[in-house]
Amino acid sequence: MKIVEITKEPVELYKILKFEGIVSSGGEAKAVIDDGQVLVNGEIEKRKRKKIMSGDVIKFMDDEFKVLLK
């Protein structure tokens, strides 16, 4: 599991996918979320602007990321 450090919370889900390089663009981030390919804390998340907090776990494809406040 990889660690994603954020400096403030909450952060919108699509922004984490974009800025961490998990996907190549914000548009792609929104598309994979809309397609149900992203899980947050084990649940399929379809809200692009879902507020992510420290301690949340994001899963996309075979990668898992734990979000921690820096």
PDB file of N, CA and C in Angstrom:
ATOM      1  N   MET A   1       0.845  -1.185   0.000  1.00  0.00           N
ATOM      2  CA  MET A   1       0.000   0.000   0.000  1.00  0.00           C
ATOM      3  C   MET A   1       0.888   1.246   0.000  1.00  0.00           C
ATOM      4  N   LYS A   2       0.586   2.153  -0.903  1.00  0.00           N
ATOM      5  CA  LYS A   2       1.349   3.392  -1.000  1.00  0.00           C
ATOM      6  C   LYS A   2       0.705   4.462  -0.123  1.00  0.00           C
ATOM      7  N   ILE A   3       1.513   5.402   0.327  1.00  0.00           N
ATOM      8  CA  ILE A   3       1.027   6.498   1.162  1.00  0.00           C
ATOM      9  C   ILE A   3       0.906   7.753   0.308  1.00  0.00           C
ATOM     10  N   VAL A   4      -0.227   8.434   0.429  1.00  0.00           N
ATOM     11  CA  VAL A   4      -0.442   9.728  -0.216  1.00  0.00           C
ATOM     12  C   VAL A   4      -0.534  10.757   0.901  1.00  0.00           C
ATOM     13  N   GLU A   5       0.397  11.715   0.915  1.00  0.00           N
ATOM     14  CA  GLU A   5       0.374  12.750   1.946  1.00  0.00           C
ATOM     15  C   GLU A   5      -0.343  13.983   1.417  1.00  0.00           C
ATOM     16  N   ILE A   6      -1.272  14.485   2.228  1.00  0.00           N
ATOM     17  CA  ILE A   6      -1.983  15.712   1.881  1.00  0.00           C
ATOM     18  C   ILE A   6      -1.648  16.763   2.933  1.00  0.00           C
ATOM     19  N   THR A   7      -1.707  18.020   2.540  1.00  0.00           N
ATOM     20  CA  THR A   7      -1.363  19.092   3.475  1.00  0.00           C
ATOM     21  C   THR A   7      -2.592  19.721   4.114  1.00  0.00           C
ATOM     22  N   LYS A   8      -3.753  19.462   3.536  1.00  0.00           N
ATOM     23  CA  LYS A   8      -5.005  19.945   4.126  1.00  0.00           C
ATOM     24  C   LYS A   8      -6.090  18.928   3.810  1.00  0.00           C
ATOM     25  N   GLU A   9      -7.122  18.955   4.602  1.00  0.00           N
ATOM     26  CA  GLU A   9      -8.252  18.086   4.315  1.00  0.00           C
ATOM     27  C   GLU A   9      -9.534  18.892   4.462  1.00  0.00           C
ATOM     28  N   PRO A  10     -10.583  18.509   3.785  1.00  0.00           N
ATOM     29  CA  PRO A  10     -10.676  17.396   2.848  1.00  0.00           C
ATOM     30  C   PRO A  10     -10.115  17.751   1.473  1.00  0.00           C
ATOM     31  N   VAL A  11      -9.833  16.711   0.680  1.00  0.00           N
ATOM     32  CA  VAL A  11      -9.393  16.863  -0.700  1.00  0.00           C
ATOM     33  C   VAL A  11     -10.357  16.049  -1.558  1.00  0.00           C
ATOM     34  N   GLU A  12     -10.742  16.604  -2.696  1.00  0.00           N
ATOM     35  CA  GLU A  12     -11.669  15.902  -3.574  1.00  0.00           C
ATOM     36  C   GLU A  12     -10.983  14.702  -4.212  1.00  0.00           C
ATOM     37  N   LEU A  13     -11.715  13.611  -4.327  1.00  0.00           N
ATOM     38  CA  LEU A  13     -11.179  12.341  -4.820  1.00  0.00           C
ATOM     39  C   LEU A  13     -10.481  12.475  -6.173  1.00  0.00           C
ATOM     40  N   TYR A  14     -11.118  13.130  -7.133  1.00  0.00           N
ATOM     41  CA  TYR A  14     -10.514  13.206  -8.469  1.00  0.00           C
ATOM     42  C   TYR A  14      -9.181  13.945  -8.444  1.00  0.00           C
ATOM     43  N   LYS A  15      -9.030  14.908  -7.531  1.00  0.00           N
ATOM     44  CA  LYS A  15      -7.774  15.661  -7.434  1.00  0.00           C
ATOM     45  C   LYS A  15      -6.633  14.772  -6.944  1.00  0.00           C
ATOM     46  N   ILE A  16      -6.924  13.878  -6.018  1.00  0.00           N
ATOM     47  CA  ILE A  16      -5.884  12.958  -5.544  1.00  0.00           C
ATOM     48  C   ILE A  16      -5.433  12.056  -6.687  1.00  0.00           C
ATOM     49  N   LEU A  17      -6.379  11.512  -7.440  1.00  0.00           N
ATOM     50  CA  LEU A  17      -6.025  10.644  -8.566  1.00  0.00           C
ATOM     51  C   LEU A  17      -5.175  11.399  -9.587  1.00  0.00           C
ATOM     52  N   LYS A  18      -5.528  12.653  -9.843  1.00  0.00           N
ATOM     53  CA  LYS A  18      -4.814  13.461 -10.837  1.00  0.00           C
ATOM     54  C   LYS A  18      -3.424  13.863 -10.336  1.00  0.00           C
ATOM     55  N   PHE A  19      -3.354  14.475  -9.174  1.00  0.00           N
ATOM     56  CA  PHE A  19      -2.088  15.045  -8.706  1.00  0.00           C
ATOM     57  C   PHE A  19      -1.079  13.998  -8.265  1.00  0.00           C
ATOM     58  N   GLU A  20      -1.524  12.819  -7.915  1.00  0.00           N
ATOM     59  CA  GLU A  20      -0.604  11.744  -7.541  1.00  0.00           C
ATOM     60  C   GLU A  20      -0.147  10.953  -8.767  1.00  0.00           C
ATOM     61  N   GLY A  21      -0.654  11.306  -9.950  1.00  0.00           N
ATOM     62  CA  GLY A  21      -0.238  10.631 -11.170  1.00  0.00           C
ATOM     63  C   GLY A  21      -0.840   9.244 -11.334  1.00  0.00           C
ATOM     64  N   ILE A  22      -1.897   8.959 -10.588  1.00  0.00           N
ATOM     65  CA  ILE A  22      -2.566   7.661 -10.687  1.00  0.00           C
ATOM     66  C   ILE A  22      -3.250   7.556 -12.054  1.00  0.00           C
ATOM     67  N   VAL A  23      -3.773   8.671 -12.535  1.00  0.00           N
ATOM     68  CA  VAL A  23      -4.297   8.801 -13.894  1.00  0.00           C
ATOM     69  C   VAL A  23      -3.614  10.014 -14.520  1.00  0.00           C
ATOM     70  N   SER A  24      -3.746  10.177 -15.824  1.00  0.00           N
ATOM     71  CA  SER A  24      -2.976  11.228 -16.505  1.00  0.00           C
ATOM     72  C   SER A  24      -3.621  12.611 -16.488  1.00  0.00           C
ATOM     73  N   SER A  25      -4.932  12.684 -16.225  1.00  0.00           N
ATOM     74  CA  SER A  25      -5.584  13.993 -16.261  1.00  0.00           C
ATOM     75  C   SER A  25      -6.817  14.007 -15.361  1.00  0.00           C
ATOM     76  N   GLY A  26      -7.304  15.212 -15.112  1.00  0.00           N
ATOM     77  CA  GLY A  26      -8.531  15.343 -14.329  1.00  0.00           C
ATOM     78  C   GLY A  26      -9.722  14.720 -15.027  1.00  0.00           C
ATOM     79  N   GLY A  27      -9.761  14.857 -16.357  1.00  0.00           N
ATOM     80  CA  GLY A  27     -10.852  14.249 -17.122  1.00  0.00           C
ATOM     81  C   GLY A  27     -10.846  12.736 -17.020  1.00  0.00           C
ATOM     82  N   GLU A  28      -9.652  12.156 -17.086  1.00  0.00           N
ATOM     83  CA  GLU A  28      -9.539  10.705 -16.940  1.00  0.00           C
ATOM     84  C   GLU A  28      -9.937  10.279 -15.533  1.00  0.00           C
ATOM     85  N   ALA A  29      -9.533  11.067 -14.534  1.00  0.00           N
ATOM     86  CA  ALA A  29      -9.900  10.757 -13.148  1.00  0.00           C
ATOM     87  C   ALA A  29     -11.414  10.722 -12.993  1.00  0.00           C
ATOM     88  N   LYS A  30     -12.086  11.725 -13.536  1.00  0.00           N
ATOM     89  CA  LYS A  30     -13.542  11.782 -13.442  1.00  0.00           C
ATOM     90  C   LYS A  30     -14.190  10.618 -14.176  1.00  0.00           C
ATOM     91  N   ALA A  31     -13.613  10.211 -15.306  1.00  0.00           N
ATOM     92  CA  ALA A  31     -14.169   9.100 -16.095  1.00  0.00           C
ATOM     93  C   ALA A  31     -14.052   7.775 -15.347  1.00  0.00           C
ATOM     94  N   VAL A  32     -12.885   7.498 -14.750  1.00  0.00           N
ATOM     95  CA  VAL A  32     -12.732   6.208 -14.056  1.00  0.00           C
ATOM     96  C   VAL A  32     -13.581   6.165 -12.791  1.00  0.00           C
ATOM     97  N   ILE A  33     -13.774   7.315 -12.145  1.00  0.00           N
ATOM     98  CA  ILE A  33     -14.660   7.356 -10.975  1.00  0.00           C
ATOM     99  C   ILE A  33     -16.099   7.093 -11.430  1.00  0.00           C
ATOM    100  N   ASP A  34     -16.514   7.771 -12.493  1.00  0.00           N
ATOM    101  CA  ASP A  34     -17.867   7.612 -13.020  1.00  0.00           C
ATOM    102  C   ASP A  34     -18.147   6.180 -13.454  1.00  0.00           C
ATOM    103  N   ASP A  35     -17.121   5.484 -13.940  1.00  0.00           N
ATOM    104  CA  ASP A  35     -17.259   4.089 -14.377  1.00  0.00           C
ATOM    105  C   ASP A  35     -17.278   3.096 -13.216  1.00  0.00           C
ATOM    106  N   GLY A  36     -17.086   3.576 -11.985  1.00  0.00           N
ATOM    107  CA  GLY A  36     -17.109   2.685 -10.823  1.00  0.00           C
ATOM    108  C   GLY A  36     -15.829   1.905 -10.633  1.00  0.00           C
ATOM    109  N   GLN A  37     -14.713   2.407 -11.160  1.00  0.00           N
ATOM    110  CA  GLN A  37     -13.436   1.708 -11.057  1.00  0.00           C
ATOM    111  C   GLN A  37     -12.645   2.069  -9.793  1.00  0.00           C
ATOM    112  N   VAL A  38     -13.146   3.026  -9.003  1.00  0.00           N
ATOM    113  CA  VAL A  38     -12.413   3.496  -7.825  1.00  0.00           C
ATOM    114  C   VAL A  38     -13.180   3.117  -6.568  1.00  0.00           C
ATOM    115  N   LEU A  39     -12.457   2.548  -5.604  1.00  0.00           N
ATOM    116  CA  LEU A  39     -13.043   2.221  -4.314  1.00  0.00           C
ATOM    117  C   LEU A  39     -12.446   3.126  -3.244  1.00  0.00           C
ATOM    118  N   VAL A  40     -13.296   3.579  -2.338  1.00  0.00           N
ATOM    119  CA  VAL A  40     -12.843   4.344  -1.179  1.00  0.00           C
ATOM    120  C   VAL A  40     -13.300   3.579   0.056  1.00  0.00           C
ATOM    121  N   ASN A  41     -12.340   3.176   0.861  1.00  0.00           N
ATOM    122  CA  ASN A  41     -12.616   2.393   2.068  1.00  0.00           C
ATOM    123  C   ASN A  41     -13.449   1.150   1.760  1.00  0.00           C
ATOM    124  N   GLY A  42     -13.110   0.493   0.630  1.00  0.00           N
ATOM    125  CA  GLY A  42     -13.747  -0.771   0.271  1.00  0.00           C
ATOM    126  C   GLY A  42     -15.080  -0.656  -0.435  1.00  0.00           C
ATOM    127  N   GLU A  43     -15.564   0.558  -0.682  1.00  0.00           N
ATOM    128  CA  GLU A  43     -16.852   0.770  -1.335  1.00  0.00           C
ATOM    129  C   GLU A  43     -16.646   1.467  -2.680  1.00  0.00           C
ATOM    130  N   ILE A  44     -17.396   1.057  -3.687  1.00  0.00           N
ATOM    131  CA  ILE A  44     -17.328   1.743  -4.980  1.00  0.00           C
ATOM    132  C   ILE A  44     -17.784   3.180  -4.776  1.00  0.00           C
ATOM    133  N   GLU A  45     -16.986   4.112  -5.277  1.00  0.00           N
ATOM    134  CA  GLU A  45     -17.307   5.534  -5.116  1.00  0.00           C
ATOM    135  C   GLU A  45     -17.492   6.161  -6.485  1.00  0.00           C
ATOM    136  N   LYS A  46     -18.662   6.734  -6.726  1.00  0.00           N
ATOM    137  CA  LYS A  46     -18.957   7.348  -8.019  1.00  0.00           C
ATOM    138  C   LYS A  46     -19.051   8.870  -7.929  1.00  0.00           C
ATOM    139  N   ARG A  47     -18.811   9.422  -6.755  1.00  0.00           N
ATOM    140  CA  ARG A  47     -18.841  10.886  -6.598  1.00  0.00           C
ATOM    141  C   ARG A  47     -17.438  11.431  -6.852  1.00  0.00           C
ATOM    142  N   LYS A  48     -17.297  12.205  -7.914  1.00  0.00           N
ATOM    143  CA  LYS A  48     -15.987  12.748  -8.293  1.00  0.00           C
ATOM    144  C   LYS A  48     -15.437  13.686  -7.227  1.00  0.00           C
ATOM    145  N   ARG A  49     -16.321  14.401  -6.579  1.00  0.00           N
ATOM    146  CA  ARG A  49     -15.912  15.387  -5.577  1.00  0.00           C
ATOM    147  C   ARG A  49     -16.044  14.861  -4.150  1.00  0.00           C
ATOM    148  N   LYS A  50     -16.050  13.548  -4.013  1.00  0.00           N
ATOM    149  CA  LYS A  50     -16.082  12.927  -2.688  1.00  0.00           C
ATOM    150  C   LYS A  50     -14.945  13.505  -1.855  1.00  0.00           C
ATOM    151  N   LYS A  51     -15.261  13.945  -0.651  1.00  0.00           N
ATOM    152  CA  LYS A  51     -14.261  14.538   0.232  1.00  0.00           C
ATOM    153  C   LYS A  51     -13.445  13.429   0.894  1.00  0.00           C
ATOM    154  N   ILE A  52     -12.148  13.430   0.618  1.00  0.00           N
ATOM    155  CA  ILE A  52     -11.240  12.428   1.153  1.00  0.00           C
ATOM    156  C   ILE A  52     -10.534  13.010   2.374  1.00  0.00           C
ATOM    157  N   MET A  53     -10.502  12.228   3.442  1.00  0.00           N
ATOM    158  CA  MET A  53      -9.900  12.652   4.704  1.00  0.00           C
ATOM    159  C   MET A  53      -8.714  11.745   5.036  1.00  0.00           C
ATOM    160  N   SER A  54      -7.887  12.198   5.946  1.00  0.00           N
ATOM    161  CA  SER A  54      -6.762  11.390   6.408  1.00  0.00           C
ATOM    162  C   SER A  54      -7.274  10.056   6.946  1.00  0.00           C
ATOM    163  N   GLY A  55      -6.613   8.981   6.556  1.00  0.00           N
ATOM    164  CA  GLY A  55      -7.015   7.645   6.985  1.00  0.00           C
ATOM    165  C   GLY A  55      -7.821   6.886   5.943  1.00  0.00           C
ATOM    166  N   ASP A  56      -8.349   7.601   4.951  1.00  0.00           N
ATOM    167  CA  ASP A  56      -9.105   6.937   3.890  1.00  0.00           C
ATOM    168  C   ASP A  56      -8.169   6.107   3.012  1.00  0.00           C
ATOM    169  N   VAL A  57      -8.688   5.009   2.487  1.00  0.00           N
ATOM    170  CA  VAL A  57      -7.931   4.140   1.586  1.00  0.00           C
ATOM    171  C   VAL A  57      -8.619   4.147   0.226  1.00  0.00           C
ATOM    172  N   ILE A  58      -7.841   4.482  -0.801  1.00  0.00           N
ATOM    173  CA  ILE A  58      -8.341   4.533  -2.176  1.00  0.00           C
ATOM    174  C   ILE A  58      -7.744   3.358  -2.937  1.00  0.00           C
ATOM    175  N   LYS A  59      -8.592   2.646  -3.677  1.00  0.00           N
ATOM    176  CA  LYS A  59      -8.108   1.548  -4.501  1.00  0.00           C
ATOM    177  C   LYS A  59      -8.520   1.796  -5.942  1.00  0.00           C
ATOM    178  N   PHE A  60      -7.535   1.684  -6.842  1.00  0.00           N
ATOM    179  CA  PHE A  60      -7.787   1.814  -8.276  1.00  0.00           C
ATOM    180  C   PHE A  60      -6.960   0.756  -8.967  1.00  0.00           C
ATOM    181  N   MET A  61      -7.636  -0.094  -9.712  1.00  0.00           N
ATOM    182  CA  MET A  61      -7.013  -1.242 -10.366  1.00  0.00           C
ATOM    183  C   MET A  61      -6.328  -2.092  -9.292  1.00  0.00           C
ATOM    184  N   ASP A  62      -5.031  -2.343  -9.430  1.00  0.00           N
ATOM    185  CA  ASP A  62      -4.344  -3.184  -8.441  1.00  0.00           C
ATOM    186  C   ASP A  62      -3.597  -2.370  -7.391  1.00  0.00           C
ATOM    187  N   ASP A  63      -3.769  -1.059  -7.389  1.00  0.00           N
ATOM    188  CA  ASP A  63      -3.023  -0.195  -6.469  1.00  0.00           C
ATOM    189  C   ASP A  63      -3.921   0.300  -5.341  1.00  0.00           C
ATOM    190  N   GLU A  64      -3.350   0.328  -4.135  1.00  0.00           N
ATOM    191  CA  GLU A  64      -4.027   0.861  -2.972  1.00  0.00           C
ATOM    192  C   GLU A  64      -3.215   2.011  -2.409  1.00  0.00           C
ATOM    193  N   PHE A  65      -3.931   3.067  -1.989  1.00  0.00           N
ATOM    194  CA  PHE A  65      -3.282   4.257  -1.472  1.00  0.00           C
ATOM    195  C   PHE A  65      -3.956   4.654  -0.158  1.00  0.00           C
ATOM    196  N   LYS A  66      -3.141   4.876   0.867  1.00  0.00           N
ATOM    197  CA  LYS A  66      -3.670   5.360   2.135  1.00  0.00           C
ATOM    198  C   LYS A  66      -3.358   6.851   2.224  1.00  0.00           C
ATOM    199  N   VAL A  67      -4.371   7.638   2.515  1.00  0.00           N
ATOM    200  CA  VAL A  67      -4.235   9.088   2.578  1.00  0.00           C
ATOM    201  C   VAL A  67      -3.914   9.487   4.017  1.00  0.00           C
ATOM    202  N   LEU A  68      -2.831  10.250   4.176  1.00  0.00           N
ATOM    203  CA  LEU A  68      -2.434  10.726   5.495  1.00  0.00           C
ATOM    204  C   LEU A  68      -2.199  12.224   5.457  1.00  0.00           C
ATOM    205  N   LEU A  69      -2.599  12.902   6.532  1.00  0.00           N
ATOM    206  CA  LEU A  69      -2.382  14.335   6.649  1.00  0.00           C
ATOM    207  C   LEU A  69      -0.934  14.580   7.028  1.00  0.00           C
ATOM    208  N   LYS A  70      -0.272  15.439   6.298  1.00  0.00           N
ATOM    209  CA  LYS A  70       1.157  15.707   6.501  1.00  0.00           C
ATOM    210  C   LYS A  70       1.351  16.656   7.660  1.00  0.00           C
TER     211      LYS A  70
END
